[in-house]
């Protein structure tokens, strides 16, 4: 039983790389698309097993949270002026 995504990809890629079967034949029985198999084979040939590791989809940078002092200042100004945040801006 396959436990990781990497193992699942290897299960489909290794026979193609070892030239035991053709990519077209595998794509007929594989639940993934032909283009996915092509990309996985290319990654395996280029980077080996490490190329088949799933990549993070998290953003590389995150916006910083608004500082508390600024939030407090906005609340103060809103109370004094009775205006919404957009009008204060």
N, C-alpha and C. Protein backbone atom coordinates (compact mmCIF):
# COMPACT_ATOMS: atom_id res chain seq x y z
N UNK A 1 0.84 -1.19 0.00
CA UNK A 1 0.00 0.00 0.00
C UNK A 1 0.88 1.24 0.00
N UNK A 2 0.56 2.17 -0.83
CA UNK A 2 1.32 3.41 -0.96
C UNK A 2 0.98 4.33 0.22
N UNK A 3 2.02 4.90 0.84
CA UNK A 3 1.80 5.74 2.02
C UNK A 3 2.01 7.22 1.74
N UNK A 4 2.82 7.56 0.75
CA UNK A 4 3.09 8.98 0.47
C UNK A 4 2.85 9.29 -1.00
N UNK A 5 2.75 10.56 -1.30
CA UNK A 5 2.56 11.00 -2.68
C UNK A 5 3.77 10.63 -3.52
N UNK A 6 4.95 10.75 -2.92
CA UNK A 6 6.19 10.43 -3.62
C UNK A 6 6.19 8.95 -4.05
N UNK A 7 5.77 8.07 -3.15
CA UNK A 7 5.71 6.65 -3.48
C UNK A 7 4.72 6.37 -4.60
N UNK A 8 3.59 7.08 -4.57
CA UNK A 8 2.58 6.92 -5.61
C UNK A 8 3.14 7.31 -6.98
N UNK A 9 3.83 8.44 -7.02
CA UNK A 9 4.43 8.89 -8.29
C UNK A 9 5.50 7.91 -8.76
N UNK A 10 6.32 7.43 -7.82
CA UNK A 10 7.38 6.48 -8.19
C UNK A 10 6.80 5.20 -8.78
N UNK A 11 5.66 4.77 -8.22
CA UNK A 11 5.01 3.55 -8.70
C UNK A 11 4.69 3.65 -10.19
N UNK A 12 4.32 4.85 -10.65
CA UNK A 12 3.97 5.03 -12.05
C UNK A 12 5.17 5.40 -12.92
N UNK A 13 6.16 6.05 -12.35
CA UNK A 13 7.29 6.57 -13.13
C UNK A 13 8.38 5.52 -13.38
N UNK A 14 8.69 4.73 -12.37
CA UNK A 14 9.82 3.79 -12.49
C UNK A 14 9.71 2.83 -13.67
N UNK A 15 8.56 2.21 -13.93
CA UNK A 15 8.49 1.32 -15.11
C UNK A 15 8.76 2.06 -16.42
N UNK A 16 8.37 3.32 -16.48
CA UNK A 16 8.59 4.11 -17.71
C UNK A 16 10.08 4.42 -17.85
N UNK A 17 10.71 4.83 -16.75
CA UNK A 17 12.12 5.20 -16.79
C UNK A 17 13.00 3.98 -17.08
N UNK A 18 12.63 2.83 -16.52
CA UNK A 18 13.39 1.60 -16.75
C UNK A 18 13.09 0.98 -18.11
N UNK A 19 12.20 1.62 -18.86
CA UNK A 19 11.81 1.19 -20.21
C UNK A 19 11.18 -0.20 -20.23
N UNK A 20 10.44 -0.50 -19.15
CA UNK A 20 9.70 -1.75 -19.11
C UNK A 20 8.38 -1.62 -19.88
N UNK A 21 7.81 -0.41 -19.81
CA UNK A 21 6.57 -0.11 -20.55
C UNK A 21 6.68 1.29 -21.14
N UNK A 22 5.81 1.57 -22.09
CA UNK A 22 5.80 2.89 -22.71
C UNK A 22 4.87 3.82 -21.94
N UNK A 23 5.16 5.10 -22.02
CA UNK A 23 4.37 6.10 -21.32
C UNK A 23 2.91 6.07 -21.78
N UNK A 24 2.69 5.88 -23.05
CA UNK A 24 1.33 5.86 -23.59
C UNK A 24 0.52 4.71 -22.98
N UNK A 25 1.17 3.54 -22.83
CA UNK A 25 0.48 2.39 -22.26
C UNK A 25 0.14 2.63 -20.78
N UNK A 26 1.05 3.24 -20.06
CA UNK A 26 0.81 3.53 -18.65
C UNK A 26 -0.31 4.56 -18.51
N UNK A 27 -0.33 5.56 -19.39
CA UNK A 27 -1.34 6.62 -19.29
C UNK A 27 -2.76 6.08 -19.48
N UNK A 28 -2.90 4.92 -20.14
CA UNK A 28 -4.23 4.34 -20.34
C UNK A 28 -4.79 3.74 -19.06
N UNK A 29 -3.93 3.26 -18.16
CA UNK A 29 -4.40 2.63 -16.93
C UNK A 29 -4.18 3.49 -15.69
N UNK A 30 -3.39 4.53 -15.84
CA UNK A 30 -3.06 5.41 -14.72
C UNK A 30 -4.23 6.37 -14.44
N UNK A 31 -4.58 6.59 -13.16
CA UNK A 31 -5.66 7.53 -12.86
C UNK A 31 -5.29 9.00 -13.10
N UNK A 32 -4.01 9.26 -13.34
CA UNK A 32 -3.54 10.62 -13.58
C UNK A 32 -3.40 10.84 -15.09
N UNK A 33 -3.32 12.07 -15.51
CA UNK A 33 -3.24 12.39 -16.93
C UNK A 33 -1.88 12.09 -17.53
N UNK A 34 -1.87 12.01 -18.85
CA UNK A 34 -0.63 11.75 -19.58
C UNK A 34 0.39 12.86 -19.34
N UNK A 35 -0.09 14.10 -19.33
CA UNK A 35 0.82 15.24 -19.11
C UNK A 35 1.46 15.18 -17.72
N UNK A 36 0.71 14.75 -16.72
CA UNK A 36 1.27 14.61 -15.37
C UNK A 36 2.40 13.57 -15.38
N UNK A 37 2.15 12.46 -16.05
CA UNK A 37 3.19 11.43 -16.14
C UNK A 37 4.43 11.96 -16.85
N UNK A 38 4.23 12.72 -17.92
CA UNK A 38 5.37 13.29 -18.64
C UNK A 38 6.19 14.20 -17.73
N UNK A 39 5.49 15.04 -16.95
CA UNK A 39 6.19 15.95 -16.04
C UNK A 39 6.94 15.17 -14.96
N UNK A 40 6.31 14.14 -14.41
CA UNK A 40 6.94 13.34 -13.36
C UNK A 40 8.18 12.63 -13.89
N UNK A 41 8.10 12.10 -15.10
CA UNK A 41 9.26 11.42 -15.69
C UNK A 41 10.39 12.41 -15.89
N UNK A 42 10.07 13.59 -16.40
CA UNK A 42 11.10 14.62 -16.62
C UNK A 42 11.74 15.03 -15.29
N UNK A 43 10.92 15.22 -14.25
CA UNK A 43 11.45 15.58 -12.94
C UNK A 43 12.34 14.48 -12.38
N UNK A 44 11.91 13.22 -12.56
CA UNK A 44 12.69 12.09 -12.06
C UNK A 44 14.04 12.01 -12.78
N UNK A 45 14.03 12.22 -14.09
CA UNK A 45 15.28 12.17 -14.84
C UNK A 45 16.21 13.33 -14.47
N UNK A 46 15.63 14.47 -14.16
CA UNK A 46 16.42 15.66 -13.83
C UNK A 46 16.93 15.65 -12.40
N UNK A 47 16.06 15.35 -11.44
CA UNK A 47 16.42 15.48 -10.02
C UNK A 47 16.36 14.19 -9.22
N UNK A 48 15.99 13.11 -9.85
CA UNK A 48 15.89 11.84 -9.12
C UNK A 48 14.63 11.79 -8.28
N UNK A 49 14.66 10.97 -7.25
CA UNK A 49 13.48 10.80 -6.39
C UNK A 49 13.08 12.10 -5.69
N UNK A 50 14.05 12.95 -5.41
CA UNK A 50 13.76 14.21 -4.72
C UNK A 50 12.86 15.12 -5.56
N UNK A 51 12.91 14.98 -6.86
CA UNK A 51 12.08 15.80 -7.74
C UNK A 51 10.61 15.46 -7.65
N UNK A 52 10.28 14.28 -7.12
CA UNK A 52 8.89 13.86 -7.02
C UNK A 52 8.25 14.24 -5.69
N UNK A 53 9.02 14.85 -4.80
CA UNK A 53 8.46 15.31 -3.52
C UNK A 53 7.45 16.42 -3.80
N UNK A 54 6.30 16.39 -3.11
CA UNK A 54 5.33 17.48 -3.32
C UNK A 54 5.88 18.81 -2.84
N UNK A 55 5.59 19.85 -3.59
CA UNK A 55 6.07 21.18 -3.23
C UNK A 55 5.00 21.90 -2.42
N UNK A 56 5.42 22.76 -1.54
CA UNK A 56 4.51 23.53 -0.72
C UNK A 56 3.74 24.53 -1.57
N UNK A 57 2.47 24.71 -1.24
CA UNK A 57 1.66 25.69 -1.95
C UNK A 57 1.43 26.95 -1.11
N UNK A 58 2.12 27.02 0.02
CA UNK A 58 1.99 28.21 0.87
C UNK A 58 2.67 29.39 0.18
N UNK A 59 2.16 30.59 0.40
CA UNK A 59 2.83 31.75 -0.17
C UNK A 59 4.24 31.90 0.40
N UNK A 60 5.16 32.35 -0.43
CA UNK A 60 6.53 32.49 0.03
C UNK A 60 6.69 33.67 0.98
N UNK A 61 5.83 34.64 0.85
CA UNK A 61 5.85 35.78 1.77
C UNK A 61 4.44 35.97 2.31
N UNK A 62 4.37 36.43 3.54
CA UNK A 62 3.08 36.70 4.15
C UNK A 62 3.01 38.16 4.53
N UNK A 63 1.84 38.73 4.39
CA UNK A 63 1.68 40.09 4.85
C UNK A 63 1.80 40.09 6.36
N UNK A 64 2.42 41.11 6.86
CA UNK A 64 2.53 41.23 8.30
C UNK A 64 1.23 41.77 8.85
N UNK A 65 0.90 41.32 10.04
CA UNK A 65 -0.32 41.78 10.67
C UNK A 65 -0.16 43.25 11.08
N UNK A 66 -1.26 43.96 11.05
CA UNK A 66 -1.25 45.36 11.45
C UNK A 66 -0.86 45.45 12.93
N UNK A 67 0.08 46.32 13.26
CA UNK A 67 0.50 46.42 14.65
C UNK A 67 -0.66 46.84 15.56
N UNK A 68 -0.62 46.39 16.80
CA UNK A 68 -1.68 46.67 17.76
C UNK A 68 -1.83 48.17 18.00
N UNK A 69 -0.70 48.88 18.09
CA UNK A 69 -0.78 50.32 18.35
C UNK A 69 -1.55 51.05 17.26
N UNK A 70 -1.41 50.55 16.01
CA UNK A 70 -2.10 51.18 14.90
C UNK A 70 -3.60 50.87 14.97
N UNK A 71 -3.94 49.65 15.34
CA UNK A 71 -5.34 49.29 15.49
C UNK A 71 -6.00 50.15 16.58
N UNK A 72 -5.28 50.29 17.70
CA UNK A 72 -5.81 51.10 18.80
C UNK A 72 -6.01 52.55 18.37
N UNK A 73 -5.08 53.08 17.61
CA UNK A 73 -5.15 54.46 17.14
C UNK A 73 -6.36 54.65 16.22
N UNK A 74 -6.62 53.67 15.37
CA UNK A 74 -7.77 53.74 14.46
C UNK A 74 -9.07 53.75 15.27
N UNK A 75 -9.13 52.92 16.30
CA UNK A 75 -10.32 52.87 17.14
C UNK A 75 -10.53 54.23 17.82
N UNK A 76 -9.46 54.83 18.32
CA UNK A 76 -9.56 56.15 18.96
C UNK A 76 -10.10 57.20 17.99
N UNK A 77 -9.52 57.25 16.81
CA UNK A 77 -9.94 58.24 15.82
C UNK A 77 -11.39 58.01 15.41
N UNK A 78 -11.78 56.76 15.27
CA UNK A 78 -13.17 56.45 14.89
C UNK A 78 -14.15 56.92 15.96
N UNK A 79 -13.75 56.76 17.22
CA UNK A 79 -14.64 57.21 18.31
C UNK A 79 -14.76 58.73 18.33
N UNK A 80 -13.65 59.41 18.09
CA UNK A 80 -13.66 60.88 18.12
C UNK A 80 -14.43 61.47 16.94
N UNK A 81 -14.20 60.93 15.75
CA UNK A 81 -14.75 61.55 14.54
C UNK A 81 -16.07 60.92 14.10
N UNK A 82 -16.43 59.76 14.65
CA UNK A 82 -17.66 59.05 14.25
C UNK A 82 -17.67 58.71 12.76
N UNK A 83 -16.47 58.40 12.21
CA UNK A 83 -16.36 58.04 10.79
C UNK A 83 -15.88 56.59 10.66
N UNK A 84 -16.17 56.01 9.51
CA UNK A 84 -15.71 54.66 9.25
C UNK A 84 -14.22 54.70 8.85
N UNK A 85 -13.63 53.55 8.80
CA UNK A 85 -12.19 53.44 8.52
C UNK A 85 -11.85 54.01 7.14
N UNK A 86 -12.68 53.78 6.16
CA UNK A 86 -12.39 54.26 4.81
C UNK A 86 -12.39 55.79 4.75
N UNK A 87 -13.29 56.43 5.49
CA UNK A 87 -13.33 57.89 5.47
C UNK A 87 -12.15 58.48 6.23
N UNK A 88 -11.68 57.77 7.24
CA UNK A 88 -10.49 58.23 7.98
C UNK A 88 -9.27 58.19 7.07
N UNK A 89 -9.19 57.16 6.30
CA UNK A 89 -8.04 56.98 5.40
C UNK A 89 -7.96 58.13 4.42
